[in-house]
Amino acid sequence: MGFPFKGARRQRLEDLLAAVLKLPHSEATSVWYGRVIETRKNLRTSHRLGEGANEADVWVVASALEHQVPLLTHDEQQVCLGRAMGLKVLTNLPGLRENNPHL
């Protein structure tokens, strides 16, 4: 992997990338994406939090659902959209952290 920098900075990035869970995209991801889009549409109709989730948020939630992993985020729209889908979402956002699931 070619990074534009060297030394300690490069090593910190490589360490971070090694620790991050990388989820592959599959056909199932696209199916989940469609389900999450539908939920976002329903949230927009009822003017509920999560309605403002962008496309990247939808892909993140869809991937977590497909792989059955909890989501850790501090993006209010991701939190609300994920929870609307029944996803375990952990956050430290005021007003939303009280609903953190007990894992």
C-alpha atoms as a PDB file:
ATOM      1  CA  MET A   1       0.000   0.000   0.000  1.00  0.00           C
ATOM      2  CA  GLY A   2       1.578   3.296  -1.040  1.00  0.00           C
ATOM      3  CA  PHE A   3       1.212   6.116   1.459  1.00  0.00           C
ATOM      4  CA  PRO A   4       2.311   9.693   0.648  1.00  0.00           C
ATOM      5  CA  PHE A   5       4.255   9.959   3.929  1.00  0.00           C
ATOM      6  CA  LYS A   6       6.820   7.994   5.905  1.00  0.00           C
ATOM      7  CA  GLY A   7       8.083   7.232   9.362  1.00  0.00           C
ATOM      8  CA  ALA A   8       5.998   7.382  12.525  1.00  0.00           C
ATOM      9  CA  ARG A   9       3.008   8.945  10.764  1.00  0.00           C
ATOM     10  CA  ARG A  10       2.874   6.116   8.261  1.00  0.00           C
ATOM     11  CA  GLN A  11       3.201   3.530  11.030  1.00  0.00           C
ATOM     12  CA  ARG A  12       0.285   5.081  12.972  1.00  0.00           C
ATOM     13  CA  LEU A  13      -1.896   4.905   9.852  1.00  0.00           C
ATOM     14  CA  GLU A  14      -0.891   1.307   9.158  1.00  0.00           C
ATOM     15  CA  ASP A  15      -1.672   0.401  12.792  1.00  0.00           C
ATOM     16  CA  LEU A  16      -5.079   2.053  12.530  1.00  0.00           C
ATOM     17  CA  LEU A  17      -5.912   0.289   9.268  1.00  0.00           C
ATOM     18  CA  ALA A  18      -4.884  -3.053  10.767  1.00  0.00           C
ATOM     19  CA  ALA A  19      -7.296  -2.540  13.670  1.00  0.00           C
ATOM     20  CA  VAL A  20     -10.293  -1.408  11.614  1.00  0.00           C
ATOM     21  CA  LEU A  21     -12.949  -3.924  10.654  1.00  0.00           C
ATOM     22  CA  LYS A  22     -13.163  -3.969   6.869  1.00  0.00           C
ATOM     23  CA  LEU A  23     -16.460  -5.318   5.560  1.00  0.00           C
ATOM     24  CA  PRO A  24     -16.619  -6.602   1.990  1.00  0.00           C
ATOM     25  CA  HIS A  25     -19.381  -5.458  -0.341  1.00  0.00           C
ATOM     26  CA  SER A  26     -21.535  -8.260  -1.679  1.00  0.00           C
ATOM     27  CA  GLU A  27     -24.884  -8.718  -3.365  1.00  0.00           C
ATOM     28  CA  ALA A  28     -26.390  -9.051   0.114  1.00  0.00           C
ATOM     29  CA  THR A  29     -25.059  -5.584   0.965  1.00  0.00           C
ATOM     30  CA  SER A  30     -27.096  -4.201  -1.913  1.00  0.00           C
ATOM     31  CA  VAL A  31     -30.212  -5.985  -0.662  1.00  0.00           C
ATOM     32  CA  TRP A  32     -29.700  -4.478   2.804  1.00  0.00           C
ATOM     33  CA  TYR A  33     -29.068  -1.095   1.171  1.00  0.00           C
ATOM     34  CA  GLY A  34     -32.523  -1.280  -0.443  1.00  0.00           C
ATOM     35  CA  ARG A  35     -34.138  -2.084   2.896  1.00  0.00           C
ATOM     36  CA  VAL A  36     -32.365   0.792   4.622  1.00  0.00           C
ATOM     37  CA  ILE A  37     -33.354   3.186   1.805  1.00  0.00           C
ATOM     38  CA  GLU A  38     -36.982   2.156   2.308  1.00  0.00           C
ATOM     39  CA  THR A  39     -36.739   2.806   6.045  1.00  0.00           C
ATOM     40  CA  ARG A  40     -35.141   6.210   5.403  1.00  0.00           C
ATOM     41  CA  LYS A  41     -38.008   7.001   3.039  1.00  0.00           C
ATOM     42  CA  ASN A  42     -40.529   6.081   5.754  1.00  0.00           C
ATOM     43  CA  LEU A  43     -38.665   8.245   8.274  1.00  0.00           C
ATOM     44  CA  ARG A  44     -38.854  11.174   5.846  1.00  0.00           C
ATOM     45  CA  THR A  45     -42.589  10.680   5.444  1.00  0.00           C
ATOM     46  CA  SER A  46     -43.076  10.788   9.208  1.00  0.00           C
ATOM     47  CA  HIS A  47     -40.437  13.534   9.735  1.00  0.00           C
ATOM     48  CA  ARG A  48     -38.411  11.485  12.232  1.00  0.00           C
ATOM     49  CA  LEU A  49     -34.694  11.579  13.013  1.00  0.00           C
ATOM     50  CA  GLY A  50     -32.755   9.440  10.586  1.00  0.00           C
ATOM     51  CA  GLU A  51     -34.541  10.954   7.605  1.00  0.00           C
ATOM     52  CA  GLY A  52     -31.508  13.107   6.832  1.00  0.00           C
ATOM     53  CA  ALA A  53     -29.098  10.204   6.532  1.00  0.00           C
ATOM     54  CA  ASN A  54     -26.989  10.538   3.398  1.00  0.00           C
ATOM     55  CA  GLU A  55     -26.007   7.783   0.969  1.00  0.00           C
ATOM     56  CA  ALA A  56     -22.796   7.008   2.852  1.00  0.00           C
ATOM     57  CA  ASP A  57     -24.800   6.627   6.085  1.00  0.00           C
ATOM     58  CA  VAL A  58     -27.124   4.178   4.331  1.00  0.00           C
ATOM     59  CA  TRP A  59     -24.190   2.057   3.128  1.00  0.00           C
ATOM     60  CA  VAL A  60     -22.652   2.014   6.632  1.00  0.00           C
ATOM     61  CA  VAL A  61     -25.918   0.894   8.230  1.00  0.00           C
ATOM     62  CA  ALA A  62     -26.543  -1.694   5.480  1.00  0.00           C
ATOM     63  CA  SER A  63     -23.073  -3.184   5.935  1.00  0.00           C
ATOM     64  CA  ALA A  64     -23.460  -3.421   9.714  1.00  0.00           C
ATOM     65  CA  LEU A  65     -26.832  -5.118   9.289  1.00  0.00           C
ATOM     66  CA  GLU A  66     -25.517  -7.584   6.733  1.00  0.00           C
ATOM     67  CA  HIS A  67     -22.587  -8.612   8.915  1.00  0.00           C
ATOM     68  CA  GLN A  68     -24.602  -8.473  12.150  1.00  0.00           C
ATOM     69  CA  VAL A  69     -22.148  -6.183  13.921  1.00  0.00           C
ATOM     70  CA  PRO A  70     -23.020  -3.278  16.212  1.00  0.00           C
ATOM     71  CA  LEU A  71     -22.327   0.210  14.943  1.00  0.00           C
ATOM     72  CA  LEU A  72     -20.340   2.769  16.922  1.00  0.00           C
ATOM     73  CA  THR A  73     -21.050   6.259  15.614  1.00  0.00           C
ATOM     74  CA  HIS A  74     -21.428   9.841  16.703  1.00  0.00           C
ATOM     75  CA  ASP A  75     -23.496  10.794  13.672  1.00  0.00           C
ATOM     76  CA  GLU A  76     -27.057  11.484  14.826  1.00  0.00           C
ATOM     77  CA  GLN A  77     -28.596  10.481  11.487  1.00  0.00           C
ATOM     78  CA  GLN A  78     -26.705   7.152  11.436  1.00  0.00           C
ATOM     79  CA  VAL A  79     -27.722   6.446  15.041  1.00  0.00           C
ATOM     80  CA  CYS A  80     -31.410   7.053  14.374  1.00  0.00           C
ATOM     81  CA  LEU A  81     -31.495   5.269  11.022  1.00  0.00           C
ATOM     82  CA  GLY A  82     -29.613   2.262  12.402  1.00  0.00           C
ATOM     83  CA  ARG A  83     -31.872   2.004  15.409  1.00  0.00           C
ATOM     84  CA  ALA A  84     -34.943   2.310  13.185  1.00  0.00           C
ATOM     85  CA  MET A  85     -33.610  -0.786  11.407  1.00  0.00           C
ATOM     86  CA  GLY A  86     -33.197  -2.647  14.708  1.00  0.00           C
ATOM     87  CA  LEU A  87     -29.407  -2.361  14.613  1.00  0.00           C
ATOM     88  CA  LYS A  88     -27.417  -2.195  17.854  1.00  0.00           C
ATOM     89  CA  VAL A  89     -25.954   1.312  17.737  1.00  0.00           C
ATOM     90  CA  LEU A  90     -23.625   2.730  20.363  1.00  0.00           C
ATOM     91  CA  THR A  91     -23.080   6.462  20.667  1.00  0.00           C
ATOM     92  CA  ASN A  92     -22.007   9.082  23.140  1.00  0.00           C
ATOM     93  CA  LEU A  93     -24.322  11.743  21.711  1.00  0.00           C
ATOM     94  CA  PRO A  94     -26.359  13.534  24.397  1.00  0.00           C
ATOM     95  CA  GLY A  95     -29.965  12.404  24.311  1.00  0.00           C
ATOM     96  CA  LEU A  96     -29.120   9.247  22.366  1.00  0.00           C
ATOM     97  CA  ARG A  97     -26.592   7.458  24.586  1.00  0.00           C
ATOM     98  CA  GLU A  98     -29.292   6.514  27.073  1.00  0.00           C
ATOM     99  CA  ASN A  99     -30.628   4.074  24.461  1.00  0.00           C
ATOM    100  CA  ASN A 100     -27.303   2.288  24.011  1.00  0.00           C
ATOM    101  CA  PRO A 101     -27.881  -1.473  24.009  1.00  0.00           C
ATOM    102  CA  HIS A 102     -26.285  -3.621  26.675  1.00  0.00           C
ATOM    103  CA  LEU A 103     -24.008  -5.894  24.693  1.00  0.00           C
END
